[in-house]
Structures are given as C-alpha cells and as structure tokens.
Amino acid sequence: MMSFRIERVQTRNDLHTFIHLPAKIHKNHSNWVPPIYMDERTFFNPKKNRLFAHSDTCMFLAWRGKQVIGRIMGIINHKYNDEHELKEARFVFLESYEEFEVAQKLIDTIEEWAREKQMSKLVGPLGFSDKDPQGLLIEGYEHVPVIATNYNFKYMVEFVERAGFKKKVDLVVYKLDVPKEMPEFYTRINERALRNHPELNVVKFRNKLQLRPYIKPVFQLVNETFKEIYAFTPLDEQEMNELAGRYIPVLDPRFVKVIEKGKKEVVAFVLSMPDFSKGVQKCKGRVLPIGFFQILRSQKKTKQLNLLLGAVRKDYRNTGLDAVLGTTLFEESRKAGIEFFDSHLELETNKKVRAENEKMGGKVYKRYRIFQKDL
C-alpha cells in the first residue's frame, strides 16, 4: 500500500475537504445519512459555534498523494474538564476507508496532541457536548440513523479497539411501538397525576409561533436537570436561540408537549419530531434550493417519531408527569399515523428512563459505544 501523510486542517479548502469526505467514504453505504451541510459550516466556524471559546481543538486529514483518505478532530473542553476535575481529551469525526494503518495514524496524532496538552485520557467519539453525535454504532446497522447520531462501518469499531481503546460507556436506543390503545396502568397514572396537581397545565401547541416563548424556559430546565449527564455542557442564552433557530423550522408543534405551572414556568416537557432522514438522503444534505421541501415532505410520509429531549423538574419527579407527557404524545401520534418511536440516545446507566421505555414495551434496537484510553 502506498504511503500517506497526516496534515493539519488550516485553510478554508481544507475544512471543505474535511466536511465532505464522509460522503465519499460512504458513497455506496445505503443506510448512511449525510449531515446537513448548512449546519456543518456553522458547527465548524469558531465565530458561530461558541463552544470553541472554551475548548482547544485540532483537525487533521490523511492524504495519499492528492487524494484525501481519512479525517479526525481532537477536542479538549476545558470548561467541562474544570467542572469535573478531569484531564480528558476527546476524538470525534473519525473517518477512513477500510485501512487500519490510516485510522491508527489519525488516532496516534490526536494522542500525541493530547499528551502535549498534558491530558491523561482520550475518549470518543465525543464532540463538544452530549448534543453532538457521540459513540460508534455497534448494534443496529440495518437501521437508518436519525438526526444527531453517528453511522459508521463495522470495521471502524474494530480499528478503534485495535488501537488500544476499551469501553467507557454505551448508549442505547429504544424502539417503541405506538399502541392502538393506551395501557390501563398508564391511563390511571396519567389521571392521578393531573388530579393530584391541579396547578399544572398541559400545553398543546397549534403553530410554531406559539413555541418561541417557551424556548428559554425549556432549555433552562434542560440545564437544571441534565447536570449529571455524561458530557453535558450547559447552554447559554445565545446557544439556546441558535438551537431554536436550527430546529424550529422542522419541528411539528403537535409533537412538542409542555407541562407548566403558572405562566411559562416549565416543569416538564418532551420534544420530538417526525423522522426526516429519507429527506436528507434525497437532498444529499443540501437544504437549498429545494432540499428543505424534500425534508418536510419526508416528515409527512414517515411512520417514525424521533424523541429528542425530555425532562421533569426535580421537585415533580415520581409524580406521574412522564406518563402525562407519554399519553398525550402517543395520542397525537396515533392521530398522525405514526407507528413507532425512536427514543434517541440514552445512557445505559440511566436506569429510570430505561425502565420507562421498557414499561411501554420498548426494545433496544441500536447501541452506541464511547471508548477510552489512558495516555
């Protein structure tokens, strides 16, 4: 095999090459879904992605002659490390053709960089926070990935393990069939929760304009309740607005449910959206000029609802509010012809959420793994 070289991403052309390499590697990979390139350009722009401000980063490309054959990014989130007294570096966006030597050299390059920064451990795939795609897919290759999740070839898992990495933690994804009728026990919990808490109100949205006043309260609840989630980084107000600007255009208000106390005092919520992976595949990740309509069209045809975020305020946990959210979401889904939910990523250690999924008959159908290695 011809020799290759590793070079740091430095120019705009380098970054363009970095972003678009996966489409070449996965050209004949039928289930792979490209990123939305408009979002990718924002993510990799330090002027627009505020998480660069408290992180050290580096990006590298592997070249054989004039052909790019691999990529990787290294991240040290100093804010997270300081808060948790860690000395961890992260690798993410690892891609290569089926050539172990290339993948190993890319990883070695990040390891060397991390040692120079006096880090003691390398973990990944893991981005700036848990809101970025994380982990390598290790089970469920036959299923199309959803928004903000990775989709890798099986050989990449083998490459990372051969490079000396061990399991840090797994994330599981449940598939939940939408029942024709709600289980009686769930209905009883729902009724009791609403009866015991007359001060609460379930908000049902009719249009996207009604969502905007709830953006900040919802994300404030996320910041409050996700503190102990691995790799979670709290959102500031600007990041809240940026995320809202990215997702509101493709949100369907029917599948956003909020429970409030008083006026916009959010105590629980669930955020979900009809799957649009097929639309992203069809437009090849390019929203303009017609990709956005292909994405919306795929949402109307899909039978799958993706659960993205959900939380219950600490003082209202174990009161049945999760059943209230689940009941209203299931009812809305039946009306819309949705047949099953994708739970999105759940830490395998989150026993309470996993128990709720399994109580509703959910089965794990995808599994992702974050790896670690001492330096």
Foldseek 3Di string as FASTA:
>chain_A
DADKDKDWQDDPVSLVCLQCVVCVQCVVVVQEFHAQVVVVVQCPDCVRNVQCVQKDKIKMWMDDVPDTFWIKMKIDRNVVCVVVVAQEIEMASTDGHLDLVVSLVNVVVNVVVSVVVVGFKYKWPDDQFPQAATFEWQFQLVHRDFPRYDHDDNSVVVSVVVSPWDFDFKWFKWKFWQDPDDPPVLVVLQVQLCVVCVQKDKDQDDALVVCVVLLVLVLVQVQVFCVPPPRHDRDDPSRSVVVCVVPSVQFDSRQKMFMAGPPSNTFKIWGKAQTQSVLSRVVVSHCPPPSVVSSNVSSLVGLEMETDDIDGHPVCPPSSVVSNSVVSNSVSSVVSNRTIYIDPIDIPPPVVVVVVCVVSVIDTRIMGTMIMDTD
